[in-house]
Amino acid sequence: MKKPLIDANGEVRELEAEDLHMFKPAHEVLPQSLKKSLGVRGKQKSPVKKQISIRLSEDVLTAFKETGPGWQTRIDNALKDWLAEHHTS
C-alpha cells in the first residue's frame, strides 16, 4: 500500500526513493504562464538563431535592456535593418 505524501495535519512526509516514480518533469506539468515567468523556453521558431558571444558598449546594452523583455530580438532587428541599408552585393 502506498503511503500518502501528506498526513492528516497537511504536513508532507520525507520522500523516499520509491516516491520518485510518481513525479513528472516540470515541463510536462507546469502551466504555460508559469513556464514563461520562469524562463522555460519552448522549441525555437525558425529560422533558428545562433547563440554567440558579443561585446557591446554599456550604453547600447543598457538602452536595449531598458526597453524590457525582447531586447535581444530588438538588437537582432536593428542589425538586420543596418544590413538592409548598408549591405552591397
PDB file of N, CA and C in Angstrom:
ATOM      1  N   MET A   1       0.839  -1.179   0.000  1.00  0.00           N
ATOM      2  CA  MET A   1       0.000   0.000   0.000  1.00  0.00           C
ATOM      3  C   MET A   1       0.885   1.245   0.000  1.00  0.00           C
ATOM      4  N   LYS A   2       0.523   2.221  -0.863  1.00  0.00           N
ATOM      5  CA  LYS A   2       1.283   3.457  -0.950  1.00  0.00           C
ATOM      6  C   LYS A   2       0.981   4.346   0.240  1.00  0.00           C
ATOM      7  N   LYS A   3       2.047   4.906   0.804  1.00  0.00           N
ATOM      8  CA  LYS A   3       1.865   5.852   1.899  1.00  0.00           C
ATOM      9  C   LYS A   3       1.489   7.209   1.297  1.00  0.00           C
ATOM     10  N   PRO A   4       0.509   7.891   1.877  1.00  0.00           N
ATOM     11  CA  PRO A   4       0.186   9.231   1.374  1.00  0.00           C
ATOM     12  C   PRO A   4       1.363  10.184   1.596  1.00  0.00           C
ATOM     13  N   LEU A   5       1.518  11.136   0.684  1.00  0.00           N
ATOM     14  CA  LEU A   5       2.603  12.113   0.811  1.00  0.00           C
ATOM     15  C   LEU A   5       2.304  13.143   1.890  1.00  0.00           C
ATOM     16  N   ILE A   6       1.015  13.381   2.143  1.00  0.00           N
ATOM     17  CA  ILE A   6       0.608  14.399   3.113  1.00  0.00           C
ATOM     18  C   ILE A   6      -0.184  13.726   4.223  1.00  0.00           C
ATOM     19  N   ASP A   7       0.136  14.065   5.458  1.00  0.00           N
ATOM     20  CA  ASP A   7      -0.570  13.458   6.587  1.00  0.00           C
ATOM     21  C   ASP A   7      -1.847  14.249   6.913  1.00  0.00           C
ATOM     22  N   ALA A   8      -2.569  13.824   7.950  1.00  0.00           N
ATOM     23  CA  ALA A   8      -3.843  14.445   8.328  1.00  0.00           C
ATOM     24  C   ALA A   8      -3.686  15.914   8.716  1.00  0.00           C
ATOM     25  N   ASN A   9      -2.495  16.317   9.128  1.00  0.00           N
ATOM     26  CA  ASN A   9      -2.239  17.711   9.511  1.00  0.00           C
ATOM     27  C   ASN A   9      -1.770  18.565   8.335  1.00  0.00           C
ATOM     28  N   GLY A  10      -1.684  17.960   7.148  1.00  0.00           N
ATOM     29  CA  GLY A  10      -1.232  18.697   5.974  1.00  0.00           C
ATOM     30  C   GLY A  10       0.268  18.778   5.829  1.00  0.00           C
ATOM     31  N   GLU A  11       0.983  18.015   6.634  1.00  0.00           N
ATOM     32  CA  GLU A  11       2.440  18.007   6.570  1.00  0.00           C
ATOM     33  C   GLU A  11       2.902  16.987   5.529  1.00  0.00           C
ATOM     34  N   VAL A  12       3.894  17.379   4.758  1.00  0.00           N
ATOM     35  CA  VAL A  12       4.456  16.471   3.761  1.00  0.00           C
ATOM     36  C   VAL A  12       5.530  15.637   4.439  1.00  0.00           C
ATOM     37  N   ARG A  13       5.444  14.324   4.232  1.00  0.00           N
ATOM     38  CA  ARG A  13       6.433  13.441   4.840  1.00  0.00           C
ATOM     39  C   ARG A  13       7.721  13.464   4.032  1.00  0.00           C
ATOM     40  N   GLU A  14       8.777  12.931   4.605  1.00  0.00           N
ATOM     41  CA  GLU A  14      10.043  12.834   3.893  1.00  0.00           C
ATOM     42  C   GLU A  14       9.873  11.876   2.721  1.00  0.00           C
ATOM     43  N   LEU A  15      10.360  12.296   1.563  1.00  0.00           N
ATOM     44  CA  LEU A  15      10.233  11.465   0.370  1.00  0.00           C
ATOM     45  C   LEU A  15      11.226  10.316   0.415  1.00  0.00           C
ATOM     46  N   GLU A  16      10.797   9.202  -0.171  1.00  0.00           N
ATOM     47  CA  GLU A  16      11.639   8.018  -0.256  1.00  0.00           C
ATOM     48  C   GLU A  16      11.899   7.715  -1.724  1.00  0.00           C
ATOM     49  N   ALA A  17      12.876   6.875  -1.993  1.00  0.00           N
ATOM     50  CA  ALA A  17      13.261   6.563  -3.376  1.00  0.00           C
ATOM     51  C   ALA A  17      12.083   6.053  -4.196  1.00  0.00           C
ATOM     52  N   GLU A  18      11.206   5.242  -3.597  1.00  0.00           N
ATOM     53  CA  GLU A  18      10.074   4.698  -4.352  1.00  0.00           C
ATOM     54  C   GLU A  18       9.014   5.754  -4.679  1.00  0.00           C
ATOM     55  N   ASP A  19       9.092   6.911  -4.041  1.00  0.00           N
ATOM     56  CA  ASP A  19       8.154   8.001  -4.339  1.00  0.00           C
ATOM     57  C   ASP A  19       8.474   8.681  -5.668  1.00  0.00           C
ATOM     58  N   LEU A  20       9.718   8.613  -6.090  1.00  0.00           N
ATOM     59  CA  LEU A  20      10.159   9.374  -7.251  1.00  0.00           C
ATOM     60  C   LEU A  20       9.443   8.996  -8.542  1.00  0.00           C
ATOM     61  N   HIS A  21       8.970   7.756  -8.654  1.00  0.00           N
ATOM     62  CA  HIS A  21       8.284   7.354  -9.887  1.00  0.00           C
ATOM     63  C   HIS A  21       6.964   8.090 -10.072  1.00  0.00           C
ATOM     64  N   MET A  22       6.449   8.708  -9.022  1.00  0.00           N
ATOM     65  CA  MET A  22       5.185   9.430  -9.094  1.00  0.00           C
ATOM     66  C   MET A  22       5.344  10.819  -9.714  1.00  0.00           C
ATOM     67  N   PHE A  23       6.556  11.329  -9.757  1.00  0.00           N
ATOM     68  CA  PHE A  23       6.789  12.686 -10.231  1.00  0.00           C
ATOM     69  C   PHE A  23       7.005  12.727 -11.738  1.00  0.00           C
ATOM     70  N   LYS A  24       6.552  13.821 -12.341  1.00  0.00           N
ATOM     71  CA  LYS A  24       6.728  14.049 -13.775  1.00  0.00           C
ATOM     72  C   LYS A  24       7.652  15.246 -13.950  1.00  0.00           C
ATOM     73  N   PRO A  25       8.307  15.348 -15.114  1.00  0.00           N
ATOM     74  CA  PRO A  25       9.161  16.515 -15.372  1.00  0.00           C
ATOM     75  C   PRO A  25       8.335  17.806 -15.338  1.00  0.00           C
ATOM     76  N   ALA A  26       8.950  18.869 -14.854  1.00  0.00           N
ATOM     77  CA  ALA A  26       8.245  20.149 -14.715  1.00  0.00           C
ATOM     78  C   ALA A  26       7.659  20.618 -16.038  1.00  0.00           C
ATOM     79  N   HIS A  27       8.384  20.426 -17.159  1.00  0.00           N
ATOM     80  CA  HIS A  27       7.877  20.921 -18.442  1.00  0.00           C
ATOM     81  C   HIS A  27       6.583  20.234 -18.860  1.00  0.00           C
ATOM     82  N   GLU A  28       6.275  19.081 -18.268  1.00  0.00           N
ATOM     83  CA  GLU A  28       5.032  18.380 -18.595  1.00  0.00           C
ATOM     84  C   GLU A  28       3.848  18.836 -17.750  1.00  0.00           C
ATOM     85  N   VAL A  29       4.105  19.396 -16.588  1.00  0.00           N
ATOM     86  CA  VAL A  29       3.007  19.692 -15.668  1.00  0.00           C
ATOM     87  C   VAL A  29       2.803  21.172 -15.356  1.00  0.00           C
ATOM     88  N   LEU A  30       3.798  22.019 -15.583  1.00  0.00           N
ATOM     89  CA  LEU A  30       3.633  23.433 -15.264  1.00  0.00           C
ATOM     90  C   LEU A  30       2.740  24.113 -16.287  1.00  0.00           C
ATOM     91  N   PRO A  31       1.878  25.028 -15.858  1.00  0.00           N
ATOM     92  CA  PRO A  31       1.077  25.785 -16.824  1.00  0.00           C
ATOM     93  C   PRO A  31       1.974  26.706 -17.652  1.00  0.00           C
ATOM     94  N   GLN A  32       1.543  27.003 -18.869  1.00  0.00           N
ATOM     95  CA  GLN A  32       2.344  27.809 -19.785  1.00  0.00           C
ATOM     96  C   GLN A  32       2.709  29.161 -19.173  1.00  0.00           C
ATOM     97  N   SER A  33       1.783  29.779 -18.441  1.00  0.00           N
ATOM     98  CA  SER A  33       2.055  31.093 -17.854  1.00  0.00           C
ATOM     99  C   SER A  33       3.216  31.023 -16.855  1.00  0.00           C
ATOM    100  N   LEU A  34       3.281  29.955 -16.077  1.00  0.00           N
ATOM    101  CA  LEU A  34       4.372  29.805 -15.119  1.00  0.00           C
ATOM    102  C   LEU A  34       5.683  29.488 -15.829  1.00  0.00           C
ATOM    103  N   LYS A  35       5.623  28.657 -16.872  1.00  0.00           N
ATOM    104  CA  LYS A  35       6.832  28.358 -17.642  1.00  0.00           C
ATOM    105  C   LYS A  35       7.434  29.647 -18.182  1.00  0.00           C
ATOM    106  N   LYS A  36       6.557  30.523 -18.698  1.00  0.00           N
ATOM    107  CA  LYS A  36       7.046  31.775 -19.279  1.00  0.00           C
ATOM    108  C   LYS A  36       7.692  32.653 -18.215  1.00  0.00           C
ATOM    109  N   SER A  37       7.062  32.752 -17.045  1.00  0.00           N
ATOM    110  CA  SER A  37       7.630  33.606 -15.993  1.00  0.00           C
ATOM    111  C   SER A  37       8.920  33.025 -15.429  1.00  0.00           C
ATOM    112  N   LEU A  38       9.085  31.716 -15.511  1.00  0.00           N
ATOM    113  CA  LEU A  38      10.315  31.081 -15.035  1.00  0.00           C
ATOM    114  C   LEU A  38      11.398  31.058 -16.106  1.00  0.00           C
ATOM    115  N   GLY A  39      11.036  31.451 -17.316  1.00  0.00           N
ATOM    116  CA  GLY A  39      12.011  31.468 -18.395  1.00  0.00           C
ATOM    117  C   GLY A  39      12.197  30.128 -19.062  1.00  0.00           C
ATOM    118  N   VAL A  40      11.224  29.229 -18.934  1.00  0.00           N
ATOM    119  CA  VAL A  40      11.298  27.940 -19.606  1.00  0.00           C
ATOM    120  C   VAL A  40      10.916  28.154 -21.055  1.00  0.00           C
ATOM    121  N   ARG A  41      11.834  27.855 -21.938  1.00  0.00           N
ATOM    122  CA  ARG A  41      11.601  28.120 -23.352  1.00  0.00           C
ATOM    123  C   ARG A  41      11.038  26.907 -24.056  1.00  0.00           C
ATOM    124  N   GLY A  42      10.219  27.173 -25.024  1.00  0.00           N
ATOM    125  CA  GLY A  42       9.718  26.122 -25.900  1.00  0.00           C
ATOM    126  C   GLY A  42      10.684  25.929 -27.056  1.00  0.00           C
ATOM    127  N   LYS A  43      10.224  25.192 -28.064  1.00  0.00           N
ATOM    128  CA  LYS A  43      11.056  24.992 -29.248  1.00  0.00           C
ATOM    129  C   LYS A  43      11.282  26.326 -29.935  1.00  0.00           C
ATOM    130  N   GLN A  44      12.479  26.506 -30.485  1.00  0.00           N
ATOM    131  CA  GLN A  44      12.792  27.747 -31.184  1.00  0.00           C
ATOM    132  C   GLN A  44      12.077  27.782 -32.516  1.00  0.00           C
ATOM    133  N   LYS A  45      11.504  28.945 -32.808  1.00  0.00           N
ATOM    134  CA  LYS A  45      10.832  29.131 -34.089  1.00  0.00           C
ATOM    135  C   LYS A  45      11.883  29.268 -35.169  1.00  0.00           C
ATOM    136  N   SER A  46      11.527  28.888 -36.384  1.00  0.00           N
ATOM    137  CA  SER A  46      12.509  29.042 -37.434  1.00  0.00           C
ATOM    138  C   SER A  46      12.449  30.453 -37.981  1.00  0.00           C
ATOM    139  N   PRO A  47      13.475  31.002 -38.570  1.00  0.00           N
ATOM    140  CA  PRO A  47      14.762  30.338 -38.680  1.00  0.00           C
ATOM    141  C   PRO A  47      15.477  30.292 -37.326  1.00  0.00           C
ATOM    142  N   VAL A  48      16.237  29.254 -37.133  1.00  0.00           N
ATOM    143  CA  VAL A  48      16.954  29.071 -35.877  1.00  0.00           C
ATOM    144  C   VAL A  48      18.075  30.103 -35.785  1.00  0.00           C
ATOM    145  N   LYS A  49      18.141  30.749 -34.650  1.00  0.00           N
ATOM    146  CA  LYS A  49      19.202  31.726 -34.415  1.00  0.00           C
ATOM    147  C   LYS A  49      20.408  31.012 -33.814  1.00  0.00           C
ATOM    148  N   LYS A  50      21.569  31.585 -34.009  1.00  0.00           N
ATOM    149  CA  LYS A  50      22.812  31.034 -33.470  1.00  0.00           C
ATOM    150  C   LYS A  50      23.150  31.768 -32.183  1.00  0.00           C
ATOM    151  N   GLN A  51      23.527  31.028 -31.155  1.00  0.00           N
ATOM    152  CA  GLN A  51      23.975  31.644 -29.915  1.00  0.00           C
ATOM    153  C   GLN A  51      25.438  32.020 -30.066  1.00  0.00           C
ATOM    154  N   ILE A  52      25.740  33.281 -29.751  1.00  0.00           N
ATOM    155  CA  ILE A  52      27.118  33.771 -29.857  1.00  0.00           C
ATOM    156  C   ILE A  52      27.445  34.599 -28.619  1.00  0.00           C
ATOM    157  N   SER A  53      28.676  35.002 -28.539  1.00  0.00           N
ATOM    158  CA  SER A  53      29.098  35.956 -27.515  1.00  0.00           C
ATOM    159  C   SER A  53      29.506  37.213 -28.259  1.00  0.00           C
ATOM    160  N   ILE A  54      28.994  38.355 -27.819  1.00  0.00           N
ATOM    161  CA  ILE A  54      29.298  39.626 -28.482  1.00  0.00           C
ATOM    162  C   ILE A  54      29.534  40.680 -27.406  1.00  0.00           C
ATOM    163  N   ARG A  55      30.463  41.576 -27.656  1.00  0.00           N
ATOM    164  CA  ARG A  55      30.734  42.664 -26.724  1.00  0.00           C
ATOM    165  C   ARG A  55      30.064  43.923 -27.261  1.00  0.00           C
ATOM    166  N   LEU A  56      29.226  44.528 -26.422  1.00  0.00           N
ATOM    167  CA  LEU A  56      28.542  45.765 -26.787  1.00  0.00           C
ATOM    168  C   LEU A  56      28.920  46.837 -25.778  1.00  0.00           C
ATOM    169  N   SER A  57      28.877  48.092 -26.226  1.00  0.00           N
ATOM    170  CA  SER A  57      29.160  49.170 -25.284  1.00  0.00           C
ATOM    171  C   SER A  57      28.053  49.214 -24.231  1.00  0.00           C
ATOM    172  N   GLU A  58      28.422  49.643 -23.040  1.00  0.00           N
ATOM    173  CA  GLU A  58      27.487  49.650 -21.908  1.00  0.00           C
ATOM    174  C   GLU A  58      26.242  50.466 -22.208  1.00  0.00           C
ATOM    175  N   ASP A  59      26.399  51.618 -22.880  1.00  0.00           N
ATOM    176  CA  ASP A  59      25.235  52.461 -23.153  1.00  0.00           C
ATOM    177  C   ASP A  59      24.262  51.797 -24.129  1.00  0.00           C
ATOM    178  N   VAL A  60      24.782  51.086 -25.117  1.00  0.00           N
ATOM    179  CA  VAL A  60      23.909  50.382 -26.063  1.00  0.00           C
ATOM    180  C   VAL A  60      23.166  49.259 -25.350  1.00  0.00           C
ATOM    181  N   LEU A  61      23.886  48.467 -24.580  1.00  0.00           N
ATOM    182  CA  LEU A  61      23.283  47.359 -23.854  1.00  0.00           C
ATOM    183  C   LEU A  61      22.211  47.857 -22.880  1.00  0.00           C
ATOM    184  N   THR A  62      22.530  48.893 -22.125  1.00  0.00           N
ATOM    185  CA  THR A  62      21.581  49.448 -21.158  1.00  0.00           C
ATOM    186  C   THR A  62      20.326  49.954 -21.855  1.00  0.00           C
ATOM    187  N   ALA A  63      20.506  50.674 -22.963  1.00  0.00           N
ATOM    188  CA  ALA A  63      19.357  51.224 -23.685  1.00  0.00           C
ATOM    189  C   ALA A  63      18.428  50.111 -24.184  1.00  0.00           C
ATOM    190  N   PHE A  64      18.984  49.045 -24.729  1.00  0.00           N
ATOM    191  CA  PHE A  64      18.143  47.947 -25.210  1.00  0.00           C
ATOM    192  C   PHE A  64      17.467  47.212 -24.059  1.00  0.00           C
ATOM    193  N   LYS A  65      18.210  46.949 -22.978  1.00  0.00           N
ATOM    194  CA  LYS A  65      17.627  46.238 -21.833  1.00  0.00           C
ATOM    195  C   LYS A  65      16.501  47.040 -21.190  1.00  0.00           C
ATOM    196  N   GLU A  66      16.623  48.369 -21.186  1.00  0.00           N
ATOM    197  CA  GLU A  66      15.592  49.216 -20.589  1.00  0.00           C
ATOM    198  C   GLU A  66      14.275  49.159 -21.354  1.00  0.00           C
ATOM    199  N   THR A  67      14.310  48.660 -22.590  1.00  0.00           N
ATOM    200  CA  THR A  67      13.071  48.549 -23.375  1.00  0.00           C
ATOM    201  C   THR A  67      12.252  47.330 -22.961  1.00  0.00           C
ATOM    202  N   GLY A  68      12.785  46.521 -22.047  1.00  0.00           N
ATOM    203  CA  GLY A  68      12.028  45.397 -21.499  1.00  0.00           C
ATOM    204  C   GLY A  68      12.305  44.081 -22.196  1.00  0.00           C
ATOM    205  N   PRO A  69      11.473  43.069 -21.868  1.00  0.00           N
ATOM    206  CA  PRO A  69      11.650  41.748 -22.469  1.00  0.00           C
ATOM    207  C   PRO A  69      11.640  41.822 -23.991  1.00  0.00           C
ATOM    208  N   GLY A  70      12.473  41.017 -24.603  1.00  0.00           N
ATOM    209  CA  GLY A  70      12.589  41.002 -26.062  1.00  0.00           C
ATOM    210  C   GLY A  70      13.715  41.889 -26.566  1.00  0.00           C
ATOM    211  N   TRP A  71      14.542  42.387 -25.647  1.00  0.00           N
ATOM    212  CA  TRP A  71      15.603  43.308 -26.051  1.00  0.00           C
ATOM    213  C   TRP A  71      16.614  42.658 -26.989  1.00  0.00           C
ATOM    214  N   GLN A  72      16.867  41.366 -26.822  1.00  0.00           N
ATOM    215  CA  GLN A  72      17.819  40.696 -27.717  1.00  0.00           C
ATOM    216  C   GLN A  72      17.260  40.610 -29.131  1.00  0.00           C
ATOM    217  N   THR A  73      15.961  40.374 -29.242  1.00  0.00           N
ATOM    218  CA  THR A  73      15.317  40.349 -30.562  1.00  0.00           C
ATOM    219  C   THR A  73      15.394  41.727 -31.204  1.00  0.00           C
ATOM    220  N   ARG A  74      15.229  42.779 -30.401  1.00  0.00           N
ATOM    221  CA  ARG A  74      15.322  44.136 -30.949  1.00  0.00           C
ATOM    222  C   ARG A  74      16.739  44.443 -31.436  1.00  0.00           C
ATOM    223  N   ILE A  75      17.752  43.935 -30.738  1.00  0.00           N
ATOM    224  CA  ILE A  75      19.129  44.100 -31.238  1.00  0.00           C
ATOM    225  C   ILE A  75      19.273  43.380 -32.570  1.00  0.00           C
ATOM    226  N   ASP A  76      18.741  42.165 -32.667  1.00  0.00           N
ATOM    227  CA  ASP A  76      18.792  41.396 -33.910  1.00  0.00           C
ATOM    228  C   ASP A  76      18.118  42.175 -35.040  1.00  0.00           C
ATOM    229  N   ASN A  77      16.944  42.737 -34.743  1.00  0.00           N
ATOM    230  CA  ASN A  77      16.217  43.513 -35.764  1.00  0.00           C
ATOM    231  C   ASN A  77      16.981  44.761 -36.166  1.00  0.00           C
ATOM    232  N   ALA A  78      17.632  45.430 -35.208  1.00  0.00           N
ATOM    233  CA  ALA A  78      18.418  46.623 -35.521  1.00  0.00           C
ATOM    234  C   ALA A  78      19.590  46.261 -36.440  1.00  0.00           C
ATOM    235  N   LEU A  79      20.213  45.126 -36.179  1.00  0.00           N
ATOM    236  CA  LEU A  79      21.321  44.688 -37.042  1.00  0.00           C
ATOM    237  C   LEU A  79      20.822  44.317 -38.434  1.00  0.00           C
ATOM    238  N   LYS A  80      19.649  43.703 -38.514  1.00  0.00           N
ATOM    239  CA  LYS A  80      19.054  43.391 -39.831  1.00  0.00           C
ATOM    240  C   LYS A  80      18.764  44.671 -40.606  1.00  0.00           C
ATOM    241  N   ASP A  81      18.216  45.692 -39.908  1.00  0.00           N
ATOM    242  CA  ASP A  81      17.953  46.979 -40.559  1.00  0.00           C
ATOM    243  C   ASP A  81      19.244  47.588 -41.092  1.00  0.00           C
ATOM    244  N   TRP A  82      20.306  47.525 -40.274  1.00  0.00           N
ATOM    245  CA  TRP A  82      21.600  48.073 -40.700  1.00  0.00           C
ATOM    246  C   TRP A  82      22.100  47.337 -41.946  1.00  0.00           C
ATOM    247  N   LEU A  83      21.982  46.016 -41.941  1.00  0.00           N
ATOM    248  CA  LEU A  83      22.425  45.239 -43.109  1.00  0.00           C
ATOM    249  C   LEU A  83      21.645  45.611 -44.364  1.00  0.00           C
ATOM    250  N   ALA A  84      20.332  45.794 -44.213  1.00  0.00           N
ATOM    251  CA  ALA A  84      19.496  46.139 -45.358  1.00  0.00           C
ATOM    252  C   ALA A  84      19.908  47.492 -45.947  1.00  0.00           C
ATOM    253  N   GLU A  85      20.326  48.428 -45.101  1.00  0.00           N
ATOM    254  CA  GLU A  85      20.717  49.754 -45.570  1.00  0.00           C
ATOM    255  C   GLU A  85      22.151  49.814 -46.083  1.00  0.00           C
ATOM    256  N   HIS A  86      23.027  48.977 -45.552  1.00  0.00           N
ATOM    257  CA  HIS A  86      24.455  49.103 -45.861  1.00  0.00           C
ATOM    258  C   HIS A  86      25.060  47.966 -46.662  1.00  0.00           C
ATOM    259  N   HIS A  87      24.359  46.868 -46.774  1.00  0.00           N
ATOM    260  CA  HIS A  87      24.926  45.709 -47.463  1.00  0.00           C
ATOM    261  C   HIS A  87      24.873  45.911 -48.970  1.00  0.00           C
ATOM    262  N   THR A  88      26.002  45.741 -49.616  1.00  0.00           N
ATOM    263  CA  THR A  88      26.047  45.825 -51.076  1.00  0.00           C
ATOM    264  C   THR A  88      26.600  44.519 -51.606  1.00  0.00           C
ATOM    265  N   SER A  89      25.925  43.966 -52.584  1.00  0.00           N
ATOM    266  CA  SER A  89      26.356  42.679 -53.154  1.00  0.00           C
ATOM    267  C   SER A  89      27.366  42.877 -54.234  1.00  0.00           C
TER     268      SER A  89
END
